[in-house]
Amino acid sequence: MMTFISRDPFARTEIHREITTGHIDGCSWCGNYVAYNQVKRIGKLFAYTVEHDAGRREPIKGLFCSIGCMRSYHI
């Protein structure tokens, strides 16, 4: 399920995220996990997508632990 994060009314786009599990690599920017489990070595990371008002979706490259890491990585 996609979660709404933010909207840019001038560009007419929205940022959404989806939870992904089972990745050992960590965040693409800082290397951390959200809800990291030491025993099973399973972390939760987020895959972000830009949705345009016209209906087009563009996935953002990488998996991140937060929106702050995603924005820092792509600026």
Protein backbone atom coordinates (compact mmCIF):
# COMPACT_ATOMS: atom_id res chain seq x y z
CA MET A 1 0.00 0.00 0.00
CA MET A 2 1.35 3.42 -0.98
CA THR A 3 1.42 6.16 1.68
CA PHE A 4 1.08 9.83 0.72
CA ILE A 5 4.09 11.91 1.85
CA SER A 6 3.91 15.36 0.21
CA ARG A 7 2.50 17.37 -2.69
CA ASP A 8 4.10 20.07 -4.84
CA PRO A 9 1.15 22.11 -6.21
CA PHE A 10 3.27 24.06 -8.70
CA ALA A 11 4.81 20.96 -10.29
CA ARG A 12 1.51 19.09 -9.80
CA THR A 13 3.27 16.05 -8.35
CA GLU A 14 2.99 13.96 -5.19
CA ILE A 15 5.54 11.80 -3.40
CA HIS A 16 4.37 8.41 -2.10
CA ARG A 17 6.24 5.63 -0.31
CA GLU A 18 5.88 1.89 0.08
CA ILE A 19 7.42 -0.31 2.79
CA THR A 20 9.85 -2.97 1.59
CA THR A 21 11.31 -5.73 3.77
CA GLY A 22 14.08 -8.30 3.60
CA HIS A 23 16.92 -6.04 2.44
CA ILE A 24 20.31 -6.43 4.10
CA ASP A 25 22.03 -3.51 2.33
CA GLY A 26 20.43 -0.70 4.35
CA CYS A 27 19.51 2.83 3.37
CA SER A 28 21.10 4.06 0.12
CA TRP A 29 22.19 7.29 1.88
CA CYS A 30 23.07 6.51 5.53
CA GLY A 31 23.06 2.69 5.72
CA ASN A 32 20.50 2.49 8.55
CA TYR A 33 17.30 0.46 8.82
CA VAL A 34 13.88 1.26 10.21
CA ALA A 35 12.82 -1.38 12.77
CA TYR A 36 16.00 -3.38 12.22
CA ASN A 37 15.84 -6.91 13.65
CA GLN A 38 19.30 -8.22 14.74
CA VAL A 39 18.21 -11.85 14.95
CA LYS A 40 16.62 -12.18 11.50
CA ARG A 41 18.69 -9.40 9.84
CA ILE A 42 15.55 -8.01 8.23
CA GLY A 43 15.02 -4.28 8.01
CA LYS A 44 12.22 -2.14 6.68
CA LEU A 45 13.10 0.43 4.06
CA PHE A 46 10.95 2.68 1.91
CA ALA A 47 10.70 2.81 -1.89
CA TYR A 48 9.56 6.27 -3.03
CA THR A 49 7.54 7.15 -6.12
CA VAL A 50 6.62 10.47 -7.77
CA GLU A 51 3.05 10.58 -9.07
CA HIS A 52 2.01 13.23 -11.59
CA ASP A 53 -1.53 14.60 -11.88
CA ALA A 54 -1.71 13.07 -15.35
CA GLY A 55 -1.43 9.61 -13.76
CA ARG A 56 2.19 8.81 -14.60
CA ARG A 57 4.36 7.21 -11.87
CA GLU A 58 8.13 7.53 -11.68
CA PRO A 59 9.96 5.35 -9.14
CA ILE A 60 12.81 7.08 -7.32
CA LYS A 61 16.07 5.13 -7.46
CA GLY A 62 17.18 3.55 -4.16
CA LEU A 63 15.70 2.40 -0.86
CA PHE A 64 15.72 4.78 2.09
CA CYS A 65 15.01 4.80 5.84
CA SER A 66 13.31 8.24 5.74
CA ILE A 67 12.19 11.05 3.45
CA GLY A 68 15.12 13.13 4.73
CA CYS A 69 17.64 10.58 3.50
CA MET A 70 15.88 10.33 0.13
CA ARG A 71 15.93 14.10 -0.36
CA SER A 72 19.59 14.38 0.73
CA TYR A 73 20.61 11.58 -1.62
CA HIS A 74 18.88 13.07 -4.68
CA ILE A 75 19.84 16.75 -4.25
